[in-house]
Every structure is written in C-alpha cells, then in structure tokens.
N, C-alpha and C. Protein backbone atom coordinates (compact mmCIF):
# COMPACT_ATOMS: atom_id res chain seq x y z
N MET A 1 0.82 -1.18 0.00
CA MET A 1 0.00 0.00 0.00
C MET A 1 0.87 1.26 0.00
N ILE A 2 1.94 1.22 0.73
CA ILE A 2 2.85 2.36 0.78
C ILE A 2 3.47 2.57 -0.59
N LYS A 3 3.74 1.46 -1.32
CA LYS A 3 4.30 1.57 -2.66
C LYS A 3 3.35 2.31 -3.59
N TYR A 4 2.03 1.96 -3.50
CA TYR A 4 1.04 2.62 -4.37
C TYR A 4 0.91 4.10 -4.04
N ALA A 5 0.93 4.44 -2.79
CA ALA A 5 0.85 5.86 -2.38
C ALA A 5 2.06 6.61 -2.89
N PHE A 6 3.24 6.04 -2.79
CA PHE A 6 4.47 6.67 -3.27
C PHE A 6 4.45 6.86 -4.78
N LEU A 7 4.00 5.82 -5.53
CA LEU A 7 3.94 5.92 -6.99
C LEU A 7 2.93 6.96 -7.43
N SER A 8 1.77 7.01 -6.76
CA SER A 8 0.77 8.02 -7.15
C SER A 8 1.26 9.42 -6.82
N ALA A 9 2.03 9.61 -5.75
CA ALA A 9 2.58 10.94 -5.42
C ALA A 9 3.57 11.37 -6.49
N ILE A 10 4.42 10.47 -6.97
CA ILE A 10 5.39 10.78 -8.02
C ILE A 10 4.66 11.12 -9.31
N PHE A 11 3.64 10.34 -9.68
CA PHE A 11 2.89 10.60 -10.91
C PHE A 11 2.17 11.95 -10.85
N LEU A 12 1.60 12.28 -9.72
CA LEU A 12 0.89 13.54 -9.53
C LEU A 12 1.87 14.71 -9.62
N ALA A 13 3.02 14.55 -9.03
CA ALA A 13 4.02 15.62 -9.06
C ALA A 13 4.46 15.88 -10.50
N GLU A 14 4.66 14.84 -11.30
CA GLU A 14 5.05 14.99 -12.70
C GLU A 14 3.95 15.66 -13.50
N THR A 15 2.69 15.34 -13.20
CA THR A 15 1.57 15.94 -13.91
C THR A 15 1.47 17.42 -13.60
N ILE A 16 1.71 17.78 -12.38
CA ILE A 16 1.63 19.21 -12.00
C ILE A 16 2.75 19.98 -12.66
N LYS A 17 3.93 19.42 -12.77
CA LYS A 17 5.03 20.09 -13.45
C LYS A 17 4.70 20.31 -14.90
N ALA A 18 4.05 19.31 -15.57
CA ALA A 18 3.72 19.44 -16.98
C ALA A 18 2.67 20.52 -17.17
N ALA A 19 1.70 20.61 -16.25
CA ALA A 19 0.65 21.60 -16.37
C ALA A 19 1.19 23.00 -16.11
N ASP A 20 2.18 23.15 -15.24
CA ASP A 20 2.76 24.46 -14.96
C ASP A 20 3.49 24.99 -16.18
N GLY A 21 4.05 24.12 -16.95
CA GLY A 21 4.79 24.53 -18.12
C GLY A 21 3.87 25.04 -19.22
N GLU A 22 2.62 24.60 -19.30
CA GLU A 22 1.70 25.01 -20.36
C GLU A 22 0.77 26.11 -19.88
N GLY A 23 0.75 26.39 -18.68
CA GLY A 23 -0.09 27.47 -18.20
C GLY A 23 -1.35 27.00 -17.56
N GLY A 24 -1.40 25.84 -16.94
CA GLY A 24 -2.56 25.37 -16.19
C GLY A 24 -3.14 24.11 -16.80
N MET A 25 -4.28 23.75 -16.28
CA MET A 25 -4.94 22.52 -16.73
C MET A 25 -5.69 22.79 -18.02
N PRO A 26 -5.48 21.98 -19.09
CA PRO A 26 -6.12 22.26 -20.37
C PRO A 26 -7.64 22.04 -20.33
N GLN A 27 -8.16 21.21 -19.41
CA GLN A 27 -9.59 20.97 -19.35
C GLN A 27 -10.34 22.22 -18.88
N LEU A 28 -9.67 23.03 -18.11
CA LEU A 28 -10.31 24.23 -17.58
C LEU A 28 -10.01 25.47 -18.40
N ASN A 29 -9.35 25.32 -19.51
CA ASN A 29 -9.04 26.43 -20.40
C ASN A 29 -10.29 26.80 -21.18
N PRO A 30 -10.82 28.03 -21.07
CA PRO A 30 -12.06 28.41 -21.74
C PRO A 30 -11.97 28.37 -23.26
N GLU A 31 -10.82 28.36 -23.82
CA GLU A 31 -10.69 28.32 -25.27
C GLU A 31 -11.12 26.97 -25.83
N SER A 32 -11.02 25.90 -25.04
CA SER A 32 -11.36 24.57 -25.54
C SER A 32 -12.76 24.12 -25.13
N PHE A 33 -13.57 24.98 -24.48
CA PHE A 33 -14.91 24.59 -24.05
C PHE A 33 -15.81 24.21 -25.22
N ALA A 34 -15.78 24.96 -26.30
CA ALA A 34 -16.68 24.72 -27.42
C ALA A 34 -16.40 23.37 -28.06
N SER A 35 -15.13 23.05 -28.27
CA SER A 35 -14.82 21.75 -28.88
C SER A 35 -15.15 20.61 -27.92
N GLN A 36 -14.95 20.85 -26.61
CA GLN A 36 -15.28 19.81 -25.64
C GLN A 36 -16.79 19.55 -25.61
N ILE A 37 -17.59 20.60 -25.66
CA ILE A 37 -19.05 20.43 -25.66
C ILE A 37 -19.50 19.76 -26.95
N PHE A 38 -18.90 20.11 -28.09
CA PHE A 38 -19.24 19.50 -29.36
C PHE A 38 -18.97 17.99 -29.32
N TRP A 39 -17.77 17.62 -28.91
CA TRP A 39 -17.43 16.20 -28.86
C TRP A 39 -18.25 15.46 -27.79
N LEU A 40 -18.57 16.18 -26.71
CA LEU A 40 -19.41 15.56 -25.69
C LEU A 40 -20.79 15.25 -26.26
N ALA A 41 -21.37 16.15 -27.01
CA ALA A 41 -22.69 15.93 -27.61
C ALA A 41 -22.65 14.80 -28.63
N ILE A 42 -21.62 14.78 -29.45
CA ILE A 42 -21.52 13.74 -30.46
C ILE A 42 -21.33 12.36 -29.79
N LEU A 43 -20.40 12.25 -28.85
CA LEU A 43 -20.16 10.99 -28.17
C LEU A 43 -21.41 10.53 -27.38
N PHE A 44 -22.07 11.50 -26.71
CA PHE A 44 -23.28 11.14 -25.96
C PHE A 44 -24.36 10.63 -26.90
N THR A 45 -24.55 11.29 -28.06
CA THR A 45 -25.56 10.87 -29.03
C THR A 45 -25.22 9.48 -29.59
N ILE A 46 -23.94 9.26 -29.94
CA ILE A 46 -23.52 7.96 -30.47
C ILE A 46 -23.72 6.86 -29.42
N LEU A 47 -23.29 7.13 -28.19
CA LEU A 47 -23.45 6.14 -27.13
C LEU A 47 -24.93 5.87 -26.84
N PHE A 48 -25.74 6.95 -26.82
CA PHE A 48 -27.18 6.77 -26.59
C PHE A 48 -27.80 5.91 -27.70
N ALA A 49 -27.44 6.21 -28.96
CA ALA A 49 -27.98 5.46 -30.09
C ALA A 49 -27.52 3.99 -30.03
N LEU A 50 -26.23 3.78 -29.75
CA LEU A 50 -25.73 2.41 -29.65
C LEU A 50 -26.46 1.63 -28.54
N ILE A 51 -26.57 2.25 -27.38
CA ILE A 51 -27.21 1.57 -26.27
C ILE A 51 -28.69 1.35 -26.54
N HIS A 52 -29.38 2.40 -27.02
CA HIS A 52 -30.83 2.34 -27.19
C HIS A 52 -31.25 1.45 -28.36
N TYR A 53 -30.53 1.52 -29.48
CA TYR A 53 -30.97 0.80 -30.67
C TYR A 53 -30.26 -0.54 -30.90
N ILE A 54 -29.14 -0.77 -30.28
CA ILE A 54 -28.42 -2.03 -30.52
C ILE A 54 -28.38 -2.90 -29.26
N PHE A 55 -27.82 -2.34 -28.18
CA PHE A 55 -27.61 -3.17 -26.99
C PHE A 55 -28.91 -3.50 -26.23
N LEU A 56 -29.77 -2.49 -26.04
CA LEU A 56 -31.02 -2.75 -25.30
C LEU A 56 -31.93 -3.75 -26.02
N PRO A 57 -32.12 -3.64 -27.37
CA PRO A 57 -32.93 -4.67 -28.02
C PRO A 57 -32.35 -6.09 -27.88
N LYS A 58 -31.01 -6.19 -27.97
CA LYS A 58 -30.39 -7.50 -27.79
C LYS A 58 -30.62 -8.01 -26.36
N ILE A 59 -30.47 -7.12 -25.40
CA ILE A 59 -30.68 -7.51 -24.00
C ILE A 59 -32.14 -7.90 -23.78
N GLU A 60 -33.08 -7.11 -24.35
CA GLU A 60 -34.50 -7.46 -24.22
C GLU A 60 -34.82 -8.77 -24.91
N LYS A 61 -34.21 -8.99 -26.08
CA LYS A 61 -34.42 -10.25 -26.79
C LYS A 61 -33.91 -11.43 -25.96
N ILE A 62 -32.74 -11.27 -25.41
CA ILE A 62 -32.17 -12.33 -24.56
C ILE A 62 -33.07 -12.56 -23.35
N ARG A 63 -33.55 -11.45 -22.76
CA ARG A 63 -34.41 -11.57 -21.59
C ARG A 63 -35.73 -12.27 -21.94
N LYS A 64 -36.32 -11.89 -23.09
CA LYS A 64 -37.57 -12.54 -23.51
C LYS A 64 -37.34 -14.02 -23.79
N GLU A 65 -36.25 -14.35 -24.48
CA GLU A 65 -35.94 -15.76 -24.75
C GLU A 65 -35.73 -16.53 -23.45
N ARG A 66 -35.04 -15.88 -22.50
CA ARG A 66 -34.82 -16.53 -21.21
C ARG A 66 -36.15 -16.74 -20.49
N ASP A 67 -37.02 -15.73 -20.49
CA ASP A 67 -38.33 -15.87 -19.86
C ASP A 67 -39.16 -16.95 -20.55
N GLU A 68 -39.12 -16.99 -21.89
CA GLU A 68 -39.86 -18.02 -22.62
C GLU A 68 -39.31 -19.41 -22.30
N THR A 69 -37.98 -19.51 -22.26
CA THR A 69 -37.36 -20.80 -21.93
C THR A 69 -37.75 -21.24 -20.52
N ILE A 70 -37.69 -20.29 -19.59
CA ILE A 70 -38.08 -20.61 -18.21
C ILE A 70 -39.54 -21.01 -18.15
N ASN A 71 -40.41 -20.25 -18.83
CA ASN A 71 -41.83 -20.59 -18.85
C ASN A 71 -42.08 -21.95 -19.50
N ASN A 72 -41.35 -22.24 -20.60
CA ASN A 72 -41.48 -23.56 -21.24
C ASN A 72 -41.04 -24.67 -20.30
N TYR A 73 -39.92 -24.45 -19.62
CA TYR A 73 -39.45 -25.46 -18.66
C TYR A 73 -40.45 -25.63 -17.52
N LEU A 74 -41.00 -24.50 -17.06
CA LEU A 74 -41.99 -24.59 -15.98
C LEU A 74 -43.25 -25.33 -16.43
N SER A 75 -43.72 -25.01 -17.66
CA SER A 75 -44.91 -25.70 -18.15
C SER A 75 -44.62 -27.19 -18.40
N ASP A 76 -43.40 -27.49 -18.92
CA ASP A 76 -43.01 -28.90 -19.09
C ASP A 76 -42.95 -29.60 -17.74
N ALA A 77 -42.36 -28.93 -16.76
CA ALA A 77 -42.26 -29.53 -15.42
C ALA A 77 -43.65 -29.74 -14.83
N LYS A 78 -44.54 -28.78 -15.05
CA LYS A 78 -45.90 -28.92 -14.53
C LYS A 78 -46.62 -30.08 -15.23
N SER A 79 -46.47 -30.18 -16.55
CA SER A 79 -47.13 -31.28 -17.27
C SER A 79 -46.53 -32.63 -16.85
N ILE A 80 -45.21 -32.67 -16.66
CA ILE A 80 -44.58 -33.90 -16.20
C ILE A 80 -45.07 -34.25 -14.80
N ASN A 81 -45.17 -33.24 -13.94
CA ASN A 81 -45.66 -33.47 -12.58
C ASN A 81 -47.10 -33.96 -12.61
N ASP A 82 -47.93 -33.35 -13.48
CA ASP A 82 -49.32 -33.81 -13.60
C ASP A 82 -49.38 -35.25 -14.12
N SER A 83 -48.55 -35.56 -15.11
CA SER A 83 -48.56 -36.94 -15.63
C SER A 83 -48.06 -37.93 -14.58
N ILE A 84 -47.07 -37.52 -13.82
CA ILE A 84 -46.58 -38.40 -12.74
C ILE A 84 -47.67 -38.60 -11.71
N ASN A 85 -48.38 -37.52 -11.35
CA ASN A 85 -49.48 -37.65 -10.39
C ASN A 85 -50.58 -38.55 -10.93
N SER A 86 -50.88 -38.42 -12.23
CA SER A 86 -51.92 -39.29 -12.80
C SER A 86 -51.44 -40.74 -12.84
N ILE A 87 -50.15 -40.95 -13.12
CA ILE A 87 -49.60 -42.31 -13.10
C ILE A 87 -49.66 -42.88 -11.69
N ILE A 88 -49.33 -42.05 -10.70
CA ILE A 88 -49.40 -42.51 -9.30
C ILE A 88 -50.83 -42.85 -8.94
N ASP A 89 -51.78 -42.00 -9.36
CA ASP A 89 -53.20 -42.29 -9.08
C ASP A 89 -53.63 -43.58 -9.77
N ASP A 90 -53.20 -43.77 -11.03
CA ASP A 90 -53.53 -45.02 -11.74
C ASP A 90 -52.93 -46.23 -11.04
N MET A 91 -51.68 -46.08 -10.58
CA MET A 91 -51.04 -47.20 -9.88
C MET A 91 -51.78 -47.51 -8.57
N LYS A 92 -52.18 -46.47 -7.84
CA LYS A 92 -52.92 -46.70 -6.60
C LYS A 92 -54.25 -47.39 -6.90
N ARG A 93 -54.93 -46.91 -7.94
CA ARG A 93 -56.22 -47.50 -8.30
C ARG A 93 -56.03 -48.95 -8.74
N ASP A 94 -55.00 -49.20 -9.57
CA ASP A 94 -54.73 -50.57 -10.01
C ASP A 94 -54.35 -51.46 -8.82
N PHE A 95 -53.56 -50.91 -7.91
CA PHE A 95 -53.17 -51.69 -6.72
C PHE A 95 -54.39 -52.02 -5.88
N ASP A 96 -55.26 -51.02 -5.67
CA ASP A 96 -56.48 -51.28 -4.90
C ASP A 96 -57.37 -52.30 -5.60
N ASN A 97 -57.50 -52.18 -6.93
CA ASN A 97 -58.31 -53.16 -7.68
C ASN A 97 -57.71 -54.56 -7.56
N ALA A 98 -56.39 -54.65 -7.72
CA ALA A 98 -55.73 -55.96 -7.61
C ALA A 98 -55.88 -56.52 -6.19
N LYS A 99 -55.78 -55.63 -5.21
CA LYS A 99 -55.93 -56.07 -3.82
C LYS A 99 -57.34 -56.58 -3.58
N ASN A 100 -58.34 -55.83 -4.07
CA ASN A 100 -59.73 -56.26 -3.91
C ASN A 100 -59.99 -57.57 -4.66
N GLN A 101 -59.46 -57.67 -5.86
CA GLN A 101 -59.65 -58.89 -6.65
C GLN A 101 -58.98 -60.08 -5.96
N GLN A 102 -57.78 -59.86 -5.44
CA GLN A 102 -57.10 -60.95 -4.74
C GLN A 102 -57.89 -61.35 -3.50
N SER A 103 -58.40 -60.35 -2.77
CA SER A 103 -59.18 -60.67 -1.58
C SER A 103 -60.43 -61.47 -1.94
N SER A 104 -61.11 -61.06 -3.02
CA SER A 104 -62.32 -61.79 -3.42
C SER A 104 -61.96 -63.20 -3.90
N GLU A 105 -60.85 -63.33 -4.65
CA GLU A 105 -60.44 -64.66 -5.10
C GLU A 105 -60.05 -65.54 -3.92
N LEU A 106 -59.36 -64.96 -2.95
CA LEU A 106 -59.01 -65.74 -1.75
C LEU A 106 -60.26 -66.15 -0.98
N ARG A 107 -61.20 -65.22 -0.87
CA ARG A 107 -62.44 -65.52 -0.17
C ARG A 107 -63.20 -66.64 -0.88
N GLU A 108 -63.28 -66.53 -2.23
CA GLU A 108 -63.97 -67.57 -3.01
C GLU A 108 -63.26 -68.92 -2.87
N ALA A 109 -61.92 -68.90 -2.95
CA ALA A 109 -61.16 -70.14 -2.80
C ALA A 109 -61.36 -70.72 -1.41
N PHE A 110 -61.38 -69.85 -0.40
CA PHE A 110 -61.60 -70.32 0.97
C PHE A 110 -62.98 -70.95 1.10
N GLU A 111 -63.99 -70.27 0.55
CA GLU A 111 -65.36 -70.82 0.63
C GLU A 111 -65.45 -72.15 -0.12
N GLU A 112 -64.83 -72.20 -1.30
CA GLU A 112 -64.87 -73.44 -2.09
C GLU A 112 -64.15 -74.57 -1.36
N ASN A 113 -62.98 -74.27 -0.80
CA ASN A 113 -62.25 -75.29 -0.05
C ASN A 113 -63.00 -75.69 1.21
N LYS A 114 -63.70 -74.73 1.82
CA LYS A 114 -64.50 -75.07 3.00
C LYS A 114 -65.64 -76.02 2.62
N LYS A 115 -66.27 -75.75 1.46
CA LYS A 115 -67.33 -76.65 1.01
C LYS A 115 -66.78 -78.05 0.73
N ILE A 116 -65.62 -78.09 0.07
CA ILE A 116 -64.99 -79.38 -0.22
C ILE A 116 -64.64 -80.09 1.08
N LEU A 117 -64.09 -79.35 2.05
CA LEU A 117 -63.75 -79.94 3.33
C LEU A 117 -64.99 -80.47 4.05
N ASP A 118 -66.05 -79.66 4.05
CA ASP A 118 -67.29 -80.12 4.68
C ASP A 118 -67.84 -81.37 4.00
N LYS A 119 -67.77 -81.39 2.67
CA LYS A 119 -68.24 -82.55 1.92
C LYS A 119 -67.40 -83.78 2.28
N LYS A 120 -66.08 -83.61 2.29
CA LYS A 120 -65.20 -84.73 2.65
C LYS A 120 -65.47 -85.17 4.08
N PHE A 121 -65.67 -84.20 4.96
CA PHE A 121 -65.95 -84.52 6.36
C PHE A 121 -67.23 -85.34 6.47
N LEU A 122 -68.26 -84.92 5.72
CA LEU A 122 -69.51 -85.68 5.74
C LEU A 122 -69.32 -87.07 5.15
N GLU A 123 -68.56 -87.17 4.07
CA GLU A 123 -68.30 -88.47 3.47
C GLU A 123 -67.55 -89.38 4.45
N ILE A 124 -66.56 -88.82 5.13
CA ILE A 124 -65.79 -89.62 6.09
C ILE A 124 -66.68 -90.03 7.25
N ASN A 125 -67.53 -89.10 7.71
CA ASN A 125 -68.46 -89.45 8.79
C ASN A 125 -69.43 -90.55 8.37
N GLU A 126 -69.95 -90.43 7.14
CA GLU A 126 -70.87 -91.46 6.65
C GLU A 126 -70.15 -92.80 6.53
N GLU A 127 -68.93 -92.76 6.00
CA GLU A 127 -68.15 -93.99 5.86
C GLU A 127 -67.86 -94.58 7.24
N PHE A 128 -67.51 -93.69 8.18
CA PHE A 128 -67.25 -94.14 9.54
C PHE A 128 -68.51 -94.77 10.16
N GLU A 129 -69.65 -94.12 9.94
CA GLU A 129 -70.91 -94.65 10.48
C GLU A 129 -71.24 -96.00 9.84
N GLN A 130 -71.02 -96.11 8.53
CA GLN A 130 -71.28 -97.38 7.85
C GLN A 130 -70.36 -98.48 8.39
N LYS A 131 -69.08 -98.14 8.56
CA LYS A 131 -68.14 -99.11 9.11
C LYS A 131 -68.52 -99.47 10.55
N LYS A 132 -68.97 -98.48 11.29
CA LYS A 132 -69.39 -98.71 12.67
C LYS A 132 -70.59 -99.65 12.71
N ILE A 133 -71.56 -99.38 11.82
CA ILE A 133 -72.75 -100.26 11.74
C ILE A 133 -72.34 -101.66 11.31
N GLN A 134 -71.45 -101.76 10.32
CA GLN A 134 -70.99 -103.07 9.85
C GLN A 134 -70.25 -103.81 10.95
N LEU A 135 -69.39 -103.08 11.68
CA LEU A 135 -68.66 -103.72 12.77
C LEU A 135 -69.61 -104.17 13.88
N ASN A 136 -70.61 -103.34 14.17
CA ASN A 136 -71.60 -103.75 15.17
C ASN A 136 -72.35 -105.00 14.70
N LYS A 137 -72.67 -105.05 13.41
CA LYS A 137 -73.34 -106.23 12.87
C LYS A 137 -72.42 -107.44 12.98
N ASP A 138 -71.12 -107.24 12.61
CA ASP A 138 -70.15 -108.34 12.68
C ASP A 138 -69.98 -108.80 14.13
N ILE A 139 -69.90 -107.83 15.04
CA ILE A 139 -69.76 -108.19 16.46
C ILE A 139 -70.99 -108.96 16.93
N GLU A 140 -72.14 -108.49 16.54
CA GLU A 140 -73.39 -109.16 16.95
C GLU A 140 -73.47 -110.56 16.35
N SER A 141 -73.12 -110.68 15.08
CA SER A 141 -73.17 -112.02 14.47
C SER A 141 -72.12 -112.93 15.10
N ASN A 142 -70.93 -112.38 15.39
CA ASN A 142 -69.91 -113.18 16.07
C ASN A 142 -70.36 -113.55 17.48
N ARG A 143 -71.00 -112.63 18.15
CA ARG A 143 -71.51 -112.93 19.50
C ARG A 143 -72.56 -114.04 19.45
N ILE A 144 -73.45 -113.90 18.46
CA ILE A 144 -74.49 -114.94 18.32
C ILE A 144 -73.84 -116.27 17.96
N SER A 145 -72.86 -116.25 17.06
CA SER A 145 -72.23 -117.51 16.68
C SER A 145 -71.44 -118.09 17.85
N ILE A 146 -70.78 -117.21 18.64
CA ILE A 146 -70.03 -117.70 19.80
C ILE A 146 -71.00 -118.28 20.83
N ILE A 147 -72.12 -117.57 21.04
CA ILE A 147 -73.11 -118.07 22.00
C ILE A 147 -73.68 -119.40 21.52
N SER A 148 -73.93 -119.51 20.23
CA SER A 148 -74.47 -120.77 19.72
C SER A 148 -73.43 -121.88 19.76
N ASP A 149 -72.14 -121.49 19.58
CA ASP A 149 -71.07 -122.49 19.59
C ASP A 149 -70.52 -122.72 21.00
N LEU A 150 -70.96 -121.97 21.94
CA LEU A 150 -70.44 -122.06 23.28
C LEU A 150 -70.62 -123.47 23.90
N PRO A 151 -71.77 -124.08 23.77
CA PRO A 151 -71.88 -125.43 24.34
C PRO A 151 -70.89 -126.41 23.71
N SER A 152 -70.70 -126.37 22.39
CA SER A 152 -69.77 -127.31 21.77
C SER A 152 -68.34 -126.97 22.17
N ILE A 153 -68.03 -125.67 22.32
CA ILE A 153 -66.69 -125.28 22.74
C ILE A 153 -66.46 -125.76 24.17
N CYS A 154 -67.45 -125.59 25.02
CA CYS A 154 -67.32 -126.02 26.41
C CYS A 154 -67.16 -127.55 26.48
N VAL A 155 -67.92 -128.26 25.67
CA VAL A 155 -67.82 -129.73 25.66
C VAL A 155 -66.43 -130.12 25.19
N ASN A 156 -65.93 -129.53 24.10
CA ASN A 156 -64.59 -129.85 23.59
C ASN A 156 -63.52 -129.52 24.62
N LEU A 157 -63.67 -128.39 25.31
CA LEU A 157 -62.71 -127.99 26.32
C LEU A 157 -62.74 -128.96 27.51
N SER A 158 -63.94 -129.33 27.92
CA SER A 158 -64.03 -130.27 29.05
C SER A 158 -63.48 -131.63 28.66
N ASP A 159 -63.68 -132.03 27.39
CA ASP A 159 -63.11 -133.30 26.92
C ASP A 159 -61.59 -133.22 26.96
N ALA A 160 -61.04 -132.08 26.53
CA ALA A 160 -59.59 -131.93 26.50
C ALA A 160 -59.04 -131.91 27.92
N LEU A 161 -59.72 -131.28 28.86
CA LEU A 161 -59.28 -131.24 30.24
C LEU A 161 -59.38 -132.65 30.89
N TYR A 162 -60.47 -133.31 30.60
CA TYR A 162 -60.67 -134.64 31.15
C TYR A 162 -59.57 -135.57 30.67
N GLU A 163 -59.24 -135.45 29.39
CA GLU A 163 -58.20 -136.30 28.83
C GLU A 163 -56.86 -136.00 29.46
N LYS A 164 -56.55 -134.73 29.69
CA LYS A 164 -55.26 -134.35 30.28
C LYS A 164 -55.18 -134.80 31.74
N ILE A 165 -56.28 -134.58 32.40
CA ILE A 165 -56.26 -134.91 33.83
C ILE A 165 -56.36 -136.41 34.04
N MET A 166 -57.29 -137.05 33.42
CA MET A 166 -57.58 -138.47 33.69
C MET A 166 -56.83 -139.41 32.75
N LYS A 167 -56.33 -138.98 31.77
CA LYS A 167 -55.62 -139.78 30.77
C LYS A 167 -56.54 -140.80 30.13
N ASP A 168 -57.76 -140.40 30.05
CA ASP A 168 -58.77 -141.29 29.45
C ASP A 168 -59.52 -140.45 28.43
N LYS A 169 -59.77 -141.05 27.30
CA LYS A 169 -60.44 -140.33 26.24
C LYS A 169 -61.90 -140.66 26.30
N LYS A 170 -62.68 -139.58 26.54
CA LYS A 170 -64.11 -139.76 26.60
C LYS A 170 -64.74 -138.56 25.93
N LYS A 171 -65.72 -138.81 25.09
CA LYS A 171 -66.38 -137.74 24.34
C LYS A 171 -67.65 -137.37 25.06
N GLY A 172 -67.86 -136.01 25.21
CA GLY A 172 -69.08 -135.52 25.82
C GLY A 172 -70.12 -135.23 24.77
N ASN A 173 -71.35 -135.08 25.19
CA ASN A 173 -72.45 -134.84 24.28
C ASN A 173 -72.94 -133.41 24.50
N VAL A 174 -73.16 -132.67 23.43
CA VAL A 174 -73.60 -131.27 23.49
C VAL A 174 -75.02 -131.21 24.04
N ASN A 175 -75.85 -132.14 23.67
CA ASN A 175 -77.24 -132.12 24.14
C ASN A 175 -77.30 -132.30 25.65
N GLU A 176 -76.45 -133.14 26.19
CA GLU A 176 -76.41 -133.33 27.63
C GLU A 176 -75.97 -132.03 28.32
N PHE A 177 -74.98 -131.35 27.73
CA PHE A 177 -74.49 -130.09 28.28
C PHE A 177 -75.60 -129.06 28.30
N LYS A 178 -76.39 -129.00 27.21
CA LYS A 178 -77.48 -128.04 27.12
C LYS A 178 -78.54 -128.35 28.20
N LYS A 179 -78.80 -129.60 28.45
CA LYS A 179 -79.74 -129.97 29.49
C LYS A 179 -79.19 -129.56 30.84
N LEU A 180 -77.93 -129.71 31.02
CA LEU A 180 -77.29 -129.41 32.26
C LEU A 180 -77.35 -127.91 32.58
N ILE A 181 -77.15 -127.08 31.60
CA ILE A 181 -77.18 -125.63 31.86
C ILE A 181 -78.60 -125.08 31.77
N GLY A 182 -79.52 -125.81 31.34
CA GLY A 182 -80.91 -125.43 31.34
C GLY A 182 -81.37 -124.76 30.06
N GLU A 183 -80.85 -125.13 29.02
CA GLU A 183 -81.33 -124.57 27.75
C GLU A 183 -82.34 -125.42 27.13
C-alpha cells in the first residue's frame, strides 16, 4: 500500500510540473470549451444510439428468450408433474383393484375349499358310520355264533381237560351239556 501511495505521489508531481509549463490545466481552459461540448454531444448521441438501438434490443431479446425458456421449462415440469401424479393415481387404483380382486379370489377359494372340506368330512363321517354299523353287525353275528357255539366249545374244552387230567379219552355230548345248563 505504501508503494502505491508513493507511486501516485510521483505521478501527480510529474503531472503538476507538466501543467505548470503550459499554463494550467487544459480541461479548464475556456478556449477549448466549445470543442469539448461538441465532442461531448456527439459521443453522448452515439453512445445513446448504440445503447438504445443495438444493446437494449439485444438484451430485451435475450431476456424474452430466457423468460420463454423458463416458462417452457416450468410448463413442461408442470405437465410432467401432472402426468406423474396421474400415473401414481392409476397405480394406486390398479393396486387397490388388484388387492380387492385378490381378496375376493381368496375368499372364493376359501369358501370353495371349505365346502370341499365339509363334503369330505360328511363323506368320512358317513363312511365311519357305515363301518361302525358293519362292525356292530359283525360283532353281533360273532356274539351270536359264539353263543351258539359255546356249548360245543365247552364240551370240547371239558373233553380236553378230562383227557389231560384223567388220561382217558371220553367224548361228551352237546345235548347233555345243554340240558345241564338249562337250555
């Protein structure tokens, strides 16, 4: 910073020496006012015309294009957002429909399987009842046959015991046994 202050002091001192040699500052010399005002008017008019007719229209054109581009991007973004929202709504609706359809299909399958299970259960119960009735019939017929064969079985058993105990073979009579037991 000290260097810049020193350099500007030297430059200023040289400028003052040059102005002293010519008789003062040329900008403040009244003889050159007319030419300075003339060139000021011409330069101001040229700069005004350049800025007003060339640079400002280009800047406005760029600004309009930028605004149009931004508006196009915003409208594209809005349309994309709307389409995404509609796709999301469609997906939700499709998901709900699929969920409802799956629930109804599961319910129908459950009801159908329940009917099949109930039918099988009834068939098994009927089969079980038939087997139970058949077994009861078989038991009853076996009981009747055992009861009817009981005297001959008892006679055969007593004959076998008599033979083992007495070592004598003697055959018993079923009719005598029946008389003995009171039949």
